[in-house]
Amino acid sequence: MLDTICFFCKNKFTINHSDSQYYKIKKGENKYYICKSCNNSFQQEAINKTGISPDQIDDYDKFFRYK
């Protein structure tokens, strides 16, 4: 378990190994956590502005996102 704060909404979260960002933060590869709510919000905003879905860019991304 790892206590962290979302970079955007500043809410506190406790994440575990099942979170995709856990190991990157734990190893120090990334020091910023972005919660699922903020991530989905920014992703939807990008889709609305560009009209391009991430599935259209990277076919393999959908396998990781929809586990």
PDB file of N, CA and C in Angstrom:
ATOM      1  N   MET A   1       0.841  -1.177   0.000  1.00  0.00           N
ATOM      2  CA  MET A   1       0.000   0.000   0.000  1.00  0.00           C
ATOM      3  C   MET A   1       0.888   1.242   0.000  1.00  0.00           C
ATOM      4  N   LEU A   2       0.429   2.234  -0.732  1.00  0.00           N
ATOM      5  CA  LEU A   2       1.189   3.461  -0.896  1.00  0.00           C
ATOM      6  C   LEU A   2       0.229   4.642  -0.837  1.00  0.00           C
ATOM      7  N   ASP A   3       0.501   5.584   0.048  1.00  0.00           N
ATOM      8  CA  ASP A   3      -0.313   6.794   0.139  1.00  0.00           C
ATOM      9  C   ASP A   3       0.228   7.823  -0.834  1.00  0.00           C
ATOM     10  N   THR A   4      -0.666   8.430  -1.595  1.00  0.00           N
ATOM     11  CA  THR A   4      -0.260   9.402  -2.599  1.00  0.00           C
ATOM     12  C   THR A   4      -1.356  10.442  -2.787  1.00  0.00           C
ATOM     13  N   ILE A   5      -1.035  11.503  -3.488  1.00  0.00           N
ATOM     14  CA  ILE A   5      -1.983  12.586  -3.756  1.00  0.00           C
ATOM     15  C   ILE A   5      -2.077  12.770  -5.267  1.00  0.00           C
ATOM     16  N   CYS A   6      -3.306  12.922  -5.749  1.00  0.00           N
ATOM     17  CA  CYS A   6      -3.505  13.145  -7.180  1.00  0.00           C
ATOM     18  C   CYS A   6      -2.920  14.499  -7.568  1.00  0.00           C
ATOM     19  N   PHE A   7      -2.182  14.516  -8.649  1.00  0.00           N
ATOM     20  CA  PHE A   7      -1.524  15.727  -9.132  1.00  0.00           C
ATOM     21  C   PHE A   7      -2.530  16.816  -9.486  1.00  0.00           C
ATOM     22  N   PHE A   8      -3.710  16.447  -9.966  1.00  0.00           N
ATOM     23  CA  PHE A   8      -4.686  17.430 -10.424  1.00  0.00           C
ATOM     24  C   PHE A   8      -5.720  17.809  -9.369  1.00  0.00           C
ATOM     25  N   CYS A   9      -6.430  16.840  -8.802  1.00  0.00           N
ATOM     26  CA  CYS A   9      -7.516  17.165  -7.867  1.00  0.00           C
ATOM     27  C   CYS A   9      -7.045  17.311  -6.423  1.00  0.00           C
ATOM     28  N   LYS A  10      -5.817  16.896  -6.129  1.00  0.00           N
ATOM     29  CA  LYS A  10      -5.186  17.015  -4.809  1.00  0.00           C
ATOM     30  C   LYS A  10      -5.853  16.164  -3.728  1.00  0.00           C
ATOM     31  N   ASN A  11      -6.675  15.198  -4.118  1.00  0.00           N
ATOM     32  CA  ASN A  11      -7.268  14.280  -3.154  1.00  0.00           C
ATOM     33  C   ASN A  11      -6.249  13.213  -2.780  1.00  0.00           C
ATOM     34  N   LYS A  12      -6.367  12.690  -1.559  1.00  0.00           N
ATOM     35  CA  LYS A  12      -5.458  11.649  -1.082  1.00  0.00           C
ATOM     36  C   LYS A  12      -5.993  10.282  -1.483  1.00  0.00           C
ATOM     37  N   PHE A  13      -5.083   9.403  -1.881  1.00  0.00           N
ATOM     38  CA  PHE A  13      -5.437   8.047  -2.286  1.00  0.00           C
ATOM     39  C   PHE A  13      -4.445   7.071  -1.679  1.00  0.00           C
ATOM     40  N   THR A  14      -4.926   5.888  -1.368  1.00  0.00           N
ATOM     41  CA  THR A  14      -4.065   4.778  -0.980  1.00  0.00           C
ATOM     42  C   THR A  14      -4.164   3.764  -2.107  1.00  0.00           C
ATOM     43  N   ILE A  15      -3.034   3.520  -2.757  1.00  0.00           N
ATOM     44  CA  ILE A  15      -3.029   2.603  -3.895  1.00  0.00           C
ATOM     45  C   ILE A  15      -2.235   1.350  -3.546  1.00  0.00           C
ATOM     46  N   ASN A  16      -2.537   0.269  -4.243  1.00  0.00           N
ATOM     47  CA  ASN A  16      -1.792  -0.974  -4.040  1.00  0.00           C
ATOM     48  C   ASN A  16      -1.262  -1.473  -5.377  1.00  0.00           C
ATOM     49  N   HIS A  17      -0.706  -2.651  -5.367  1.00  0.00           N
ATOM     50  CA  HIS A  17      -0.046  -3.189  -6.560  1.00  0.00           C
ATOM     51  C   HIS A  17      -0.985  -3.369  -7.751  1.00  0.00           C
ATOM     52  N   SER A  18      -2.281  -3.372  -7.530  1.00  0.00           N
ATOM     53  CA  SER A  18      -3.214  -3.539  -8.652  1.00  0.00           C
ATOM     54  C   SER A  18      -3.382  -2.255  -9.466  1.00  0.00           C
ATOM     55  N   ASP A  19      -2.954  -1.116  -8.914  1.00  0.00           N
ATOM     56  CA  ASP A  19      -3.020   0.148  -9.653  1.00  0.00           C
ATOM     57  C   ASP A  19      -1.850   0.211 -10.631  1.00  0.00           C
ATOM     58  N   SER A  20      -2.140   0.597 -11.860  1.00  0.00           N
ATOM     59  CA  SER A  20      -1.106   0.585 -12.903  1.00  0.00           C
ATOM     60  C   SER A  20       0.055   1.542 -12.626  1.00  0.00           C
ATOM     61  N   GLN A  21      -0.146   2.547 -11.783  1.00  0.00           N
ATOM     62  CA  GLN A  21       0.903   3.525 -11.502  1.00  0.00           C
ATOM     63  C   GLN A  21       1.733   3.173 -10.261  1.00  0.00           C
ATOM     64  N   TYR A  22       1.310   2.162  -9.518  1.00  0.00           N
ATOM     65  CA  TYR A  22       1.937   1.814  -8.241  1.00  0.00           C
ATOM     66  C   TYR A  22       3.442   1.565  -8.356  1.00  0.00           C
ATOM     67  N   TYR A  23       3.844   0.674  -9.250  1.00  0.00           N
ATOM     68  CA  TYR A  23       5.261   0.303  -9.342  1.00  0.00           C
ATOM     69  C   TYR A  23       6.129   1.439  -9.869  1.00  0.00           C
ATOM     70  N   LYS A  24       5.592   2.251 -10.771  1.00  0.00           N
ATOM     71  CA  LYS A  24       6.359   3.390 -11.279  1.00  0.00           C
ATOM     72  C   LYS A  24       6.631   4.394 -10.168  1.00  0.00           C
ATOM     73  N   ILE A  25       5.649   4.629  -9.321  1.00  0.00           N
ATOM     74  CA  ILE A  25       5.836   5.561  -8.207  1.00  0.00           C
ATOM     75  C   ILE A  25       6.765   4.944  -7.167  1.00  0.00           C
ATOM     76  N   LYS A  26       6.548   3.677  -6.865  1.00  0.00           N
ATOM     77  CA  LYS A  26       7.361   2.976  -5.866  1.00  0.00           C
ATOM     78  C   LYS A  26       8.842   2.952  -6.260  1.00  0.00           C
ATOM     79  N   LYS A  27       9.137   2.734  -7.544  1.00  0.00           N
ATOM     80  CA  LYS A  27      10.522   2.681  -8.023  1.00  0.00           C
ATOM     81  C   LYS A  27      11.123   4.064  -8.241  1.00  0.00           C
ATOM     82  N   GLY A  28      10.296   5.097  -8.193  1.00  0.00           N
ATOM     83  CA  GLY A  28      10.789   6.449  -8.411  1.00  0.00           C
ATOM     84  C   GLY A  28      10.840   6.854  -9.871  1.00  0.00           C
ATOM     85  N   GLU A  29      10.283   6.021 -10.751  1.00  0.00           N
ATOM     86  CA  GLU A  29      10.262   6.352 -12.174  1.00  0.00           C
ATOM     87  C   GLU A  29       9.297   7.503 -12.463  1.00  0.00           C
ATOM     88  N   ASN A  30       8.292   7.626 -11.621  1.00  0.00           N
ATOM     89  CA  ASN A  30       7.298   8.676 -11.777  1.00  0.00           C
ATOM     90  C   ASN A  30       6.908   9.143 -10.381  1.00  0.00           C
ATOM     91  N   LYS A  31       6.909  10.443 -10.136  1.00  0.00           N
ATOM     92  CA  LYS A  31       6.558  10.912  -8.801  1.00  0.00           C
ATOM     93  C   LYS A  31       5.159  11.502  -8.730  1.00  0.00           C
ATOM     94  N   TYR A  32       4.474  11.573  -9.873  1.00  0.00           N
ATOM     95  CA  TYR A  32       3.132  12.140  -9.901  1.00  0.00           C
ATOM     96  C   TYR A  32       2.089  11.054 -10.100  1.00  0.00           C
ATOM     97  N   TYR A  33       1.058  11.087  -9.260  1.00  0.00           N
ATOM     98  CA  TYR A  33      -0.060  10.157  -9.381  1.00  0.00           C
ATOM     99  C   TYR A  33      -1.243  10.908  -9.969  1.00  0.00           C
ATOM    100  N   ILE A  34      -1.959  10.280 -10.894  1.00  0.00           N
ATOM    101  CA  ILE A  34      -3.181  10.844 -11.453  1.00  0.00           C
ATOM    102  C   ILE A  34      -4.286   9.824 -11.215  1.00  0.00           C
ATOM    103  N   CYS A  35      -5.305  10.222 -10.456  1.00  0.00           N
ATOM    104  CA  CYS A  35      -6.383   9.297 -10.110  1.00  0.00           C
ATOM    105  C   CYS A  35      -7.192   8.923 -11.349  1.00  0.00           C
ATOM    106  N   LYS A  36      -7.935   7.840 -11.233  1.00  0.00           N
ATOM    107  CA  LYS A  36      -8.714   7.343 -12.368  1.00  0.00           C
ATOM    108  C   LYS A  36      -9.761   8.354 -12.826  1.00  0.00           C
ATOM    109  N   SER A  37     -10.362   9.060 -11.887  1.00  0.00           N
ATOM    110  CA  SER A  37     -11.378  10.055 -12.235  1.00  0.00           C
ATOM    111  C   SER A  37     -10.783  11.182 -13.071  1.00  0.00           C
ATOM    112  N   CYS A  38      -9.653  11.722 -12.640  1.00  0.00           N
ATOM    113  CA  CYS A  38      -8.989  12.795 -13.397  1.00  0.00           C
ATOM    114  C   CYS A  38      -8.491  12.274 -14.740  1.00  0.00           C
ATOM    115  N   ASN A  39      -7.938  11.075 -14.745  1.00  0.00           N
ATOM    116  CA  ASN A  39      -7.442  10.482 -15.981  1.00  0.00           C
ATOM    117  C   ASN A  39      -8.571  10.338 -17.003  1.00  0.00           C
ATOM    118  N   ASN A  40      -9.702   9.793 -16.561  1.00  0.00           N
ATOM    119  CA  ASN A  40     -10.842   9.626 -17.464  1.00  0.00           C
ATOM    120  C   ASN A  40     -11.371  10.969 -17.948  1.00  0.00           C
ATOM    121  N   SER A  41     -11.399  11.954 -17.061  1.00  0.00           N
ATOM    122  CA  SER A  41     -11.882  13.287 -17.415  1.00  0.00           C
ATOM    123  C   SER A  41     -11.004  13.928 -18.488  1.00  0.00           C
ATOM    124  N   PHE A  42      -9.691  13.867 -18.302  1.00  0.00           N
ATOM    125  CA  PHE A  42      -8.765  14.447 -19.281  1.00  0.00           C
ATOM    126  C   PHE A  42      -8.801  13.677 -20.600  1.00  0.00           C
ATOM    127  N   GLN A  43      -8.928  12.369 -20.503  1.00  0.00           N
ATOM    128  CA  GLN A  43      -8.986  11.562 -21.718  1.00  0.00           C
ATOM    129  C   GLN A  43     -10.254  11.890 -22.514  1.00  0.00           C
ATOM    130  N   GLN A  44     -11.391  12.023 -21.822  1.00  0.00           N
ATOM    131  CA  GLN A  44     -12.643  12.345 -22.502  1.00  0.00           C
ATOM    132  C   GLN A  44     -12.586  13.740 -23.120  1.00  0.00           C
ATOM    133  N   GLU A  45     -11.970  14.677 -22.414  1.00  0.00           N
ATOM    134  CA  GLU A  45     -11.820  16.034 -22.955  1.00  0.00           C
ATOM    135  C   GLU A  45     -10.971  16.019 -24.230  1.00  0.00           C
ATOM    136  N   ALA A  46      -9.913  15.240 -24.229  1.00  0.00           N
ATOM    137  CA  ALA A  46      -9.054  15.136 -25.415  1.00  0.00           C
ATOM    138  C   ALA A  46      -9.806  14.499 -26.583  1.00  0.00           C
ATOM    139  N   ILE A  47     -10.612  13.486 -26.289  1.00  0.00           N
ATOM    140  CA  ILE A  47     -11.410  12.836 -27.333  1.00  0.00           C
ATOM    141  C   ILE A  47     -12.405  13.833 -27.919  1.00  0.00           C
ATOM    142  N   ASN A  48     -13.060  14.606 -27.044  1.00  0.00           N
ATOM    143  CA  ASN A  48     -14.046  15.585 -27.510  1.00  0.00           C
ATOM    144  C   ASN A  48     -13.410  16.677 -28.364  1.00  0.00           C
ATOM    145  N   LYS A  49     -12.227  17.120 -27.979  1.00  0.00           N
ATOM    146  CA  LYS A  49     -11.569  18.205 -28.715  1.00  0.00           C
ATOM    147  C   LYS A  49     -10.971  17.739 -30.039  1.00  0.00           C
ATOM    148  N   THR A  50     -10.424  16.530 -30.057  1.00  0.00           N
ATOM    149  CA  THR A  50      -9.744  16.066 -31.270  1.00  0.00           C
ATOM    150  C   THR A  50     -10.614  15.175 -32.144  1.00  0.00           C
ATOM    151  N   GLY A  51     -11.595  14.529 -31.532  1.00  0.00           N
ATOM    152  CA  GLY A  51     -12.412  13.575 -32.267  1.00  0.00           C
ATOM    153  C   GLY A  51     -11.717  12.245 -32.490  1.00  0.00           C
ATOM    154  N   ILE A  52     -10.570  12.055 -31.830  1.00  0.00           N
ATOM    155  CA  ILE A  52      -9.793  10.823 -31.981  1.00  0.00           C
ATOM    156  C   ILE A  52      -9.802  10.060 -30.661  1.00  0.00           C
ATOM    157  N   SER A  53     -10.163   8.797 -30.725  1.00  0.00           N
ATOM    158  CA  SER A  53     -10.146   7.929 -29.558  1.00  0.00           C
ATOM    159  C   SER A  53      -8.775   7.262 -29.453  1.00  0.00           C
ATOM    160  N   PRO A  54      -8.294   6.988 -28.241  1.00  0.00           N
ATOM    161  CA  PRO A  54      -7.013   6.285 -28.104  1.00  0.00           C
ATOM    162  C   PRO A  54      -7.005   4.935 -28.824  1.00  0.00           C
ATOM    163  N   ASP A  55      -8.159   4.302 -28.938  1.00  0.00           N
ATOM    164  CA  ASP A  55      -8.243   3.022 -29.645  1.00  0.00           C
ATOM    165  C   ASP A  55      -7.891   3.167 -31.123  1.00  0.00           C
ATOM    166  N   GLN A  56      -8.111   4.342 -31.674  1.00  0.00           N
ATOM    167  CA  GLN A  56      -7.793   4.573 -33.076  1.00  0.00           C
ATOM    168  C   GLN A  56      -6.294   4.772 -33.296  1.00  0.00           C
ATOM    169  N   ILE A  57      -5.577   5.120 -32.250  1.00  0.00           N
ATOM    170  CA  ILE A  57      -4.149   5.393 -32.359  1.00  0.00           C
ATOM    171  C   ILE A  57      -3.323   4.140 -32.093  1.00  0.00           C
ATOM    172  N   ASP A  58      -3.638   3.438 -31.010  1.00  0.00           N
ATOM    173  CA  ASP A  58      -2.840   2.291 -30.585  1.00  0.00           C
ATOM    174  C   ASP A  58      -3.745   1.091 -30.350  1.00  0.00           C
ATOM    175  N   ASP A  59      -3.693   0.122 -31.239  1.00  0.00           N
ATOM    176  CA  ASP A  59      -4.539  -1.064 -31.116  1.00  0.00           C
ATOM    177  C   ASP A  59      -4.258  -1.856 -29.844  1.00  0.00           C
ATOM    178  N   TYR A  60      -3.034  -1.846 -29.359  1.00  0.00           N
ATOM    179  CA  TYR A  60      -2.678  -2.625 -28.181  1.00  0.00           C
ATOM    180  C   TYR A  60      -3.106  -1.954 -26.883  1.00  0.00           C
ATOM    181  N   ASP A  61      -3.311  -0.646 -26.888  1.00  0.00           N
ATOM    182  CA  ASP A  61      -3.701   0.086 -25.690  1.00  0.00           C
ATOM    183  C   ASP A  61      -5.024  -0.416 -25.131  1.00  0.00           C
ATOM    184  N   LYS A  62      -5.959  -0.778 -25.995  1.00  0.00           N
ATOM    185  CA  LYS A  62      -7.272  -1.213 -25.530  1.00  0.00           C
ATOM    186  C   LYS A  62      -7.189  -2.500 -24.709  1.00  0.00           C
ATOM    187  N   PHE A  63      -6.194  -3.336 -24.945  1.00  0.00           N
ATOM    188  CA  PHE A  63      -6.047  -4.556 -24.160  1.00  0.00           C
ATOM    189  C   PHE A  63      -5.645  -4.246 -22.723  1.00  0.00           C
ATOM    190  N   PHE A  64      -4.850  -3.208 -22.523  1.00  0.00           N
ATOM    191  CA  PHE A  64      -4.410  -2.837 -21.186  1.00  0.00           C
ATOM    192  C   PHE A  64      -5.471  -2.043 -20.447  1.00  0.00           C
ATOM    193  N   ARG A  65      -6.235  -1.244 -21.154  1.00  0.00           N
ATOM    194  CA  ARG A  65      -7.215  -0.368 -20.531  1.00  0.00           C
ATOM    195  C   ARG A  65      -8.451  -1.125 -20.064  1.00  0.00           C
ATOM    196  N   TYR A  66      -8.845  -2.166 -20.768  1.00  0.00           N
ATOM    197  CA  TYR A  66     -10.098  -2.860 -20.470  1.00  0.00           C
ATOM    198  C   TYR A  66      -9.876  -4.227 -19.843  1.00  0.00           C
ATOM    199  N   LYS A  67      -8.953  -4.310 -18.903  1.00  0.00           N
ATOM    200  CA  LYS A  67      -8.689  -5.591 -18.226  1.00  0.00           C
ATOM    201  C   LYS A  67      -9.836  -5.944 -17.316  1.00  0.00           C
TER     202      LYS A  67
END
